[in-house]
N, C-alpha and C. Protein backbone atom coordinates (compact mmCIF):
# COMPACT_ATOMS: atom_id res chain seq x y z
N MET A 1 6.81 -15.56 -18.60
CA MET A 1 7.14 -16.74 -17.82
C MET A 1 8.11 -17.58 -18.64
N SER A 2 9.14 -18.08 -18.01
CA SER A 2 10.14 -18.89 -18.70
C SER A 2 9.72 -20.35 -18.73
N THR A 3 10.28 -21.07 -19.67
CA THR A 3 9.99 -22.50 -19.80
C THR A 3 10.43 -23.27 -18.56
N GLY A 4 11.55 -22.84 -17.97
CA GLY A 4 12.06 -23.52 -16.78
C GLY A 4 11.08 -23.49 -15.62
N SER A 5 10.46 -22.33 -15.37
CA SER A 5 9.53 -22.24 -14.25
C SER A 5 8.27 -23.05 -14.53
N GLY A 6 7.87 -23.13 -15.83
CA GLY A 6 6.72 -23.95 -16.18
C GLY A 6 6.98 -25.43 -15.91
N ARG A 7 8.19 -25.87 -16.24
CA ARG A 7 8.55 -27.27 -15.96
C ARG A 7 8.55 -27.53 -14.47
N PHE A 8 9.04 -26.55 -13.69
CA PHE A 8 9.06 -26.71 -12.24
C PHE A 8 7.64 -26.88 -11.72
N ARG A 9 6.72 -26.02 -12.20
CA ARG A 9 5.33 -26.12 -11.75
C ARG A 9 4.72 -27.45 -12.17
N ALA A 10 5.05 -27.92 -13.36
CA ALA A 10 4.52 -29.20 -13.82
C ALA A 10 5.01 -30.35 -12.94
N ARG A 11 6.31 -30.32 -12.59
CA ARG A 11 6.84 -31.36 -11.70
C ARG A 11 6.16 -31.30 -10.34
N ARG A 12 5.99 -30.07 -9.82
CA ARG A 12 5.36 -29.90 -8.51
C ARG A 12 3.92 -30.41 -8.55
N ALA A 13 3.19 -30.11 -9.62
CA ALA A 13 1.81 -30.57 -9.74
C ALA A 13 1.76 -32.09 -9.85
N ALA A 14 2.71 -32.66 -10.59
CA ALA A 14 2.75 -34.13 -10.71
C ALA A 14 3.01 -34.77 -9.36
N ARG A 15 3.92 -34.16 -8.59
CA ARG A 15 4.20 -34.71 -7.26
C ARG A 15 2.98 -34.58 -6.36
N ALA A 16 2.30 -33.43 -6.43
CA ALA A 16 1.10 -33.23 -5.62
C ALA A 16 0.05 -34.26 -5.98
N GLY A 17 -0.10 -34.53 -7.27
CA GLY A 17 -1.04 -35.55 -7.71
C GLY A 17 -0.66 -36.92 -7.20
N ALA A 18 0.63 -37.21 -7.19
CA ALA A 18 1.10 -38.50 -6.70
C ALA A 18 0.80 -38.66 -5.22
N VAL A 19 0.96 -37.57 -4.46
CA VAL A 19 0.66 -37.62 -3.03
C VAL A 19 -0.83 -37.84 -2.82
N ASN A 20 -1.66 -37.14 -3.59
CA ASN A 20 -3.11 -37.25 -3.44
C ASN A 20 -3.65 -38.55 -3.99
N ALA A 21 -2.90 -39.21 -4.86
CA ALA A 21 -3.36 -40.45 -5.46
C ALA A 21 -3.41 -41.58 -4.45
N GLY A 22 -2.87 -41.40 -3.26
CA GLY A 22 -2.83 -42.43 -2.24
C GLY A 22 -4.20 -42.84 -1.72
N ALA A 23 -5.24 -42.08 -2.02
CA ALA A 23 -6.57 -42.38 -1.51
C ALA A 23 -7.07 -43.76 -1.95
N ALA A 24 -6.66 -44.21 -3.12
CA ALA A 24 -7.12 -45.50 -3.63
C ALA A 24 -6.09 -46.60 -3.41
N ALA A 25 -5.17 -46.40 -2.50
CA ALA A 25 -4.11 -47.37 -2.25
C ALA A 25 -4.67 -48.65 -1.65
N PRO A 26 -3.97 -49.77 -1.85
CA PRO A 26 -4.42 -51.04 -1.27
C PRO A 26 -4.45 -50.98 0.25
N GLU A 27 -5.19 -51.90 0.80
CA GLU A 27 -5.32 -51.99 2.25
C GLU A 27 -3.96 -52.30 2.89
N VAL A 28 -3.70 -51.66 4.03
CA VAL A 28 -2.46 -51.92 4.77
C VAL A 28 -2.53 -53.33 5.33
N ILE A 29 -1.42 -54.04 5.24
CA ILE A 29 -1.37 -55.40 5.76
C ILE A 29 -0.61 -55.40 7.08
N SER A 30 -0.83 -56.42 7.87
CA SER A 30 -0.13 -56.52 9.15
C SER A 30 0.06 -57.98 9.49
N GLY A 31 0.64 -58.20 10.63
CA GLY A 31 0.81 -59.56 11.10
C GLY A 31 1.75 -60.38 10.24
N GLU A 32 1.41 -61.63 10.08
CA GLU A 32 2.27 -62.58 9.39
C GLU A 32 2.48 -62.21 7.92
N ALA A 33 1.46 -61.68 7.27
CA ALA A 33 1.59 -61.29 5.85
C ALA A 33 2.62 -60.18 5.69
N ALA A 34 2.61 -59.23 6.60
CA ALA A 34 3.59 -58.13 6.54
C ALA A 34 5.00 -58.67 6.79
N TRP A 35 5.14 -59.56 7.76
CA TRP A 35 6.45 -60.13 8.05
C TRP A 35 7.00 -60.94 6.88
N GLU A 36 6.12 -61.63 6.17
CA GLU A 36 6.57 -62.39 5.01
C GLU A 36 7.19 -61.45 3.98
N LEU A 37 6.54 -60.29 3.74
CA LEU A 37 7.09 -59.32 2.80
C LEU A 37 8.41 -58.75 3.30
N VAL A 38 8.50 -58.44 4.58
CA VAL A 38 9.75 -57.90 5.14
C VAL A 38 10.87 -58.92 4.97
N GLU A 39 10.60 -60.17 5.30
CA GLU A 39 11.64 -61.19 5.19
C GLU A 39 12.06 -61.42 3.74
N LEU A 40 11.13 -61.38 2.81
CA LEU A 40 11.49 -61.49 1.39
C LEU A 40 12.34 -60.30 0.96
N ALA A 41 11.96 -59.10 1.41
CA ALA A 41 12.73 -57.90 1.08
C ALA A 41 14.14 -57.99 1.66
N GLN A 42 14.27 -58.54 2.86
CA GLN A 42 15.59 -58.71 3.47
C GLN A 42 16.47 -59.65 2.64
N ARG A 43 15.84 -60.59 1.93
CA ARG A 43 16.60 -61.51 1.08
C ARG A 43 16.82 -60.95 -0.32
N GLY A 44 16.42 -59.69 -0.53
CA GLY A 44 16.68 -59.03 -1.80
C GLY A 44 15.58 -59.12 -2.84
N ASP A 45 14.40 -59.53 -2.45
CA ASP A 45 13.28 -59.63 -3.38
C ASP A 45 12.72 -58.24 -3.68
N SER A 46 12.99 -57.73 -4.87
CA SER A 46 12.56 -56.37 -5.21
C SER A 46 11.04 -56.26 -5.31
N ARG A 47 10.37 -57.35 -5.69
CA ARG A 47 8.90 -57.29 -5.73
C ARG A 47 8.32 -57.11 -4.34
N ALA A 48 8.92 -57.74 -3.34
CA ALA A 48 8.45 -57.57 -1.97
C ALA A 48 8.64 -56.13 -1.51
N CYS A 49 9.77 -55.53 -1.88
CA CYS A 49 10.00 -54.11 -1.55
C CYS A 49 8.92 -53.25 -2.20
N GLY A 50 8.60 -53.55 -3.44
CA GLY A 50 7.55 -52.81 -4.14
C GLY A 50 6.21 -52.96 -3.48
N HIS A 51 5.88 -54.18 -3.04
CA HIS A 51 4.62 -54.41 -2.35
C HIS A 51 4.56 -53.63 -1.04
N LEU A 52 5.64 -53.61 -0.29
CA LEU A 52 5.67 -52.83 0.95
C LEU A 52 5.43 -51.35 0.65
N HIS A 53 6.07 -50.85 -0.38
CA HIS A 53 5.90 -49.44 -0.77
C HIS A 53 4.45 -49.15 -1.13
N VAL A 54 3.86 -50.01 -1.96
CA VAL A 54 2.47 -49.80 -2.39
C VAL A 54 1.53 -49.87 -1.19
N ARG A 55 1.76 -50.80 -0.30
CA ARG A 55 0.85 -50.99 0.83
C ARG A 55 0.94 -49.89 1.88
N TYR A 56 2.09 -49.29 2.07
CA TYR A 56 2.25 -48.34 3.17
C TYR A 56 2.44 -46.89 2.73
N ARG A 57 2.58 -46.64 1.44
CA ARG A 57 2.84 -45.29 0.94
C ARG A 57 1.74 -44.31 1.34
N ALA A 58 0.48 -44.69 1.14
CA ALA A 58 -0.64 -43.80 1.46
C ALA A 58 -0.68 -43.48 2.95
N GLN A 59 -0.36 -44.45 3.78
CA GLN A 59 -0.37 -44.22 5.22
C GLN A 59 0.72 -43.22 5.62
N VAL A 60 1.91 -43.38 5.06
CA VAL A 60 3.01 -42.45 5.35
C VAL A 60 2.66 -41.06 4.82
N ALA A 61 2.15 -40.99 3.58
CA ALA A 61 1.79 -39.69 2.99
C ALA A 61 0.69 -39.01 3.79
N GLY A 62 -0.29 -39.76 4.23
CA GLY A 62 -1.38 -39.19 5.03
C GLY A 62 -0.87 -38.61 6.34
N PHE A 63 0.01 -39.33 6.99
CA PHE A 63 0.60 -38.83 8.23
C PHE A 63 1.33 -37.51 7.99
N LEU A 64 2.13 -37.47 6.94
CA LEU A 64 2.89 -36.25 6.64
C LEU A 64 1.99 -35.11 6.20
N ARG A 65 0.95 -35.42 5.40
CA ARG A 65 0.01 -34.37 4.97
C ARG A 65 -0.71 -33.75 6.14
N SER A 66 -0.92 -34.52 7.20
CA SER A 66 -1.62 -33.98 8.37
C SER A 66 -0.75 -32.99 9.14
N ARG A 67 0.54 -32.95 8.82
CA ARG A 67 1.46 -32.09 9.55
C ARG A 67 2.14 -31.03 8.68
N LEU A 68 2.09 -31.19 7.36
CA LEU A 68 2.79 -30.28 6.46
C LEU A 68 1.83 -29.77 5.39
N ALA A 69 1.94 -28.49 5.08
CA ALA A 69 1.06 -27.89 4.07
C ALA A 69 1.59 -28.07 2.66
N ASP A 70 2.89 -28.13 2.49
CA ASP A 70 3.50 -28.18 1.17
C ASP A 70 3.54 -29.61 0.64
N LEU A 71 2.75 -29.89 -0.40
CA LEU A 71 2.67 -31.25 -0.93
C LEU A 71 3.98 -31.71 -1.56
N GLY A 72 4.76 -30.78 -2.10
CA GLY A 72 6.06 -31.16 -2.64
C GLY A 72 6.98 -31.68 -1.56
N THR A 73 6.95 -31.02 -0.40
CA THR A 73 7.75 -31.48 0.74
C THR A 73 7.26 -32.84 1.22
N VAL A 74 5.95 -33.01 1.25
CA VAL A 74 5.38 -34.30 1.65
C VAL A 74 5.90 -35.40 0.73
N GLU A 75 5.84 -35.17 -0.58
CA GLU A 75 6.30 -36.18 -1.52
C GLU A 75 7.79 -36.48 -1.34
N ASP A 76 8.58 -35.43 -1.14
CA ASP A 76 10.02 -35.63 -0.91
C ASP A 76 10.26 -36.48 0.33
N LEU A 77 9.51 -36.20 1.39
CA LEU A 77 9.70 -36.95 2.64
C LEU A 77 9.19 -38.38 2.54
N VAL A 78 8.13 -38.61 1.77
CA VAL A 78 7.66 -39.98 1.53
C VAL A 78 8.77 -40.77 0.84
N HIS A 79 9.35 -40.16 -0.19
CA HIS A 79 10.44 -40.82 -0.90
C HIS A 79 11.61 -41.11 0.04
N GLU A 80 11.99 -40.13 0.83
CA GLU A 80 13.12 -40.29 1.76
C GLU A 80 12.82 -41.38 2.80
N THR A 81 11.59 -41.42 3.27
CA THR A 81 11.19 -42.44 4.26
C THR A 81 11.37 -43.84 3.69
N PHE A 82 10.90 -44.06 2.47
CA PHE A 82 11.02 -45.40 1.89
C PHE A 82 12.44 -45.72 1.48
N ALA A 83 13.20 -44.73 1.07
CA ALA A 83 14.61 -44.97 0.74
C ALA A 83 15.36 -45.42 1.99
N ARG A 84 15.11 -44.74 3.10
CA ARG A 84 15.79 -45.13 4.35
C ARG A 84 15.31 -46.48 4.87
N ALA A 85 14.01 -46.74 4.72
CA ALA A 85 13.47 -48.03 5.16
C ALA A 85 14.09 -49.17 4.37
N LEU A 86 14.19 -48.99 3.05
CA LEU A 86 14.80 -50.02 2.22
C LEU A 86 16.27 -50.21 2.57
N HIS A 87 16.96 -49.12 2.79
CA HIS A 87 18.39 -49.19 3.15
C HIS A 87 18.60 -49.95 4.47
N GLY A 88 17.69 -49.76 5.42
CA GLY A 88 17.86 -50.38 6.73
C GLY A 88 17.04 -51.63 6.96
N ILE A 89 16.42 -52.17 5.92
CA ILE A 89 15.51 -53.31 6.11
C ILE A 89 16.22 -54.52 6.70
N GLY A 90 17.49 -54.66 6.45
CA GLY A 90 18.23 -55.80 6.99
C GLY A 90 18.35 -55.77 8.51
N ALA A 91 18.19 -54.60 9.10
CA ALA A 91 18.32 -54.47 10.55
C ALA A 91 17.00 -54.71 11.28
N VAL A 92 15.93 -54.90 10.55
CA VAL A 92 14.61 -55.08 11.17
C VAL A 92 14.48 -56.53 11.62
N GLN A 93 13.99 -56.70 12.82
CA GLN A 93 13.76 -58.05 13.34
C GLN A 93 12.48 -58.07 14.15
N ARG A 94 11.92 -59.23 14.27
CA ARG A 94 10.70 -59.37 15.06
C ARG A 94 11.02 -59.17 16.54
N GLY A 95 10.15 -58.46 17.20
CA GLY A 95 10.27 -58.30 18.64
C GLY A 95 9.18 -59.11 19.32
N GLY A 96 9.07 -58.95 20.61
CA GLY A 96 8.01 -59.64 21.34
C GLY A 96 6.66 -59.01 21.07
N ALA A 97 5.61 -59.78 21.17
CA ALA A 97 4.22 -59.33 21.06
C ALA A 97 3.97 -58.57 19.76
N GLY A 98 4.57 -59.02 18.66
CA GLY A 98 4.27 -58.42 17.36
C GLY A 98 4.96 -57.09 17.09
N THR A 99 5.92 -56.71 17.89
CA THR A 99 6.60 -55.43 17.67
C THR A 99 7.75 -55.61 16.70
N ILE A 100 8.22 -54.50 16.20
CA ILE A 100 9.38 -54.51 15.29
C ILE A 100 10.50 -53.76 15.97
N ARG A 101 11.70 -54.33 15.91
CA ARG A 101 12.86 -53.67 16.49
C ARG A 101 13.92 -53.55 15.43
N GLY A 102 14.66 -52.44 15.50
CA GLY A 102 15.83 -52.30 14.66
C GLY A 102 17.06 -52.71 15.45
N ARG A 103 18.10 -53.09 14.76
CA ARG A 103 19.32 -53.50 15.45
C ARG A 103 20.31 -52.36 15.55
N GLY A 104 19.87 -51.15 15.44
CA GLY A 104 20.78 -50.02 15.55
C GLY A 104 20.93 -49.29 14.24
N PRO A 105 21.63 -48.17 14.26
CA PRO A 105 21.73 -47.34 13.07
C PRO A 105 22.50 -47.98 11.93
């Protein structure tokens, strides 16, 4: 076995552990508290972005794990989901009756 393949397995195991670590994640927030974090993130507050990631990561990972067998793919998609969410956070606005709307791509 080559050193390269061992490193690959170690990275894959670390990612799998990161996906499974979501079980002890903080409680998901909603309502006004969630909107406060979104609005702070829209103004560039990196701590608010971090809080959103911590609060919703386990929920996103759980959804993906229920549909995909490969934990490495799950971790990649969790990362991609949050990267896209952060990139588009400025387009998020409050809708009626507590809904969230985007302003387009």
